Protein backbone atom coordinates (compact mmCIF):
# COMPACT_ATOMS: atom_id res chain seq x y z
CA MET A 1 11.71 4.19 -119.17
CA THR A 2 9.25 1.69 -118.81
CA PRO A 3 6.30 1.35 -121.06
CA GLU A 4 3.64 1.76 -118.21
CA PHE A 5 5.43 5.37 -117.71
CA LEU A 6 5.00 6.63 -121.73
CA ILE A 7 1.72 5.04 -121.87
CA GLY A 8 0.96 6.89 -118.86
CA CYS A 9 2.43 10.25 -119.81
CA PHE A 10 0.43 10.34 -123.68
CA LEU A 11 -2.88 9.69 -121.79
CA ILE A 12 -2.25 12.29 -119.45
CA ILE A 13 -1.49 14.64 -122.58
CA ALA A 14 -3.95 13.03 -124.51
CA GLY A 15 -6.76 13.13 -121.84
CA THR A 16 -5.98 16.93 -120.95
CA LEU A 17 -6.23 18.24 -124.39
CA ALA A 18 -9.94 15.87 -124.57
CA VAL A 19 -11.33 17.67 -120.84
CA VAL A 20 -10.14 21.12 -122.68
CA PHE A 21 -11.21 20.89 -126.33
CA PRO A 22 -14.38 17.89 -125.90
CA ARG A 23 -15.74 17.35 -129.29
CA PRO A 24 -19.54 17.58 -128.10
CA LYS A 25 -19.89 20.32 -125.25
CA THR A 26 -21.75 17.71 -123.07
CA TYR A 27 -21.20 16.83 -119.22
CA LEU A 28 -21.01 13.25 -119.95
CA VAL A 29 -18.37 13.87 -122.71
CA ARG A 30 -16.35 15.79 -120.23
CA LEU A 31 -17.04 13.65 -117.27
CA ILE A 32 -15.51 10.29 -119.85
CA SER A 33 -12.37 12.51 -120.93
CA LEU A 34 -11.53 13.31 -117.33
CA GLU A 35 -11.14 9.44 -116.67
CA ILE A 36 -8.45 9.41 -119.67
CA PRO A 37 -5.78 11.63 -117.64
CA ALA A 38 -6.64 9.63 -114.39
CA TRP A 39 -5.88 6.45 -116.05
CA GLY A 40 -2.45 7.89 -117.32
CA ILE A 41 -1.96 9.13 -113.62
CA LEU A 42 -2.43 5.68 -112.19
CA LEU A 43 -0.10 4.17 -115.14
CA LEU A 44 2.37 6.59 -113.65
CA MET A 45 1.90 5.71 -110.12
CA LEU A 46 2.22 1.90 -111.28
CA SER A 47 5.42 1.94 -112.89
CA TYR A 48 6.83 3.53 -109.49
CA ASP A 49 5.56 0.37 -107.72
CA GLU A 50 3.84 2.14 -104.75
CA THR A 51 0.84 0.55 -103.35
CA LEU A 52 -0.25 3.17 -101.07
CA ALA A 53 -0.61 5.73 -103.78
CA LEU A 54 -2.47 3.32 -105.82
CA LEU A 55 -5.21 2.90 -103.26
CA THR A 56 -5.05 5.69 -102.37
CA TYR A 57 -5.75 7.25 -106.01
CA ALA A 58 -8.43 4.27 -106.62
CA GLY A 59 -10.36 5.47 -103.79
CA VAL A 60 -10.49 9.23 -104.24
CA SER A 61 -10.88 8.42 -108.00
CA ALA A 62 -14.52 6.26 -107.36
CA LEU A 63 -15.50 9.24 -104.63
CA THR A 64 -14.88 12.22 -107.35
CA VAL A 65 -16.45 10.25 -110.35
CA PHE A 66 -19.56 9.84 -108.11
CA ILE A 67 -19.55 13.22 -106.97
CA LEU A 68 -19.13 14.29 -110.72
CA VAL A 69 -21.80 12.28 -111.80
CA ARG A 70 -24.43 13.65 -108.80
CA VAL A 71 -23.46 17.34 -110.21
CA LEU A 72 -24.03 16.47 -113.90
CA GLN A 73 -27.02 14.89 -112.69
CA LYS A 74 -28.38 18.20 -110.96
CA LYS A 75 -27.25 20.65 -113.71
CA GLU A 76 -29.15 18.45 -116.18
CA GLY A 77 -32.24 18.32 -114.14
CA ALA A 78 -32.32 22.08 -113.58
């Protein structure tokens, strides 16, 4: 097991718990907490060295963050 794999597993577990049980229940904190397991998944893919999976993940991650920010802005504005 490589260090990237172990750190990735830890980040997935810790990030999932941070999303489920956030300290202040604001949308921004949930969005930031959602990025923690995303980095864990990225490290897991990096440990397997699959370039196509990494590029796909980076594109999809950027798109989902943009969509989530727009949704959060509309909820706070309403």
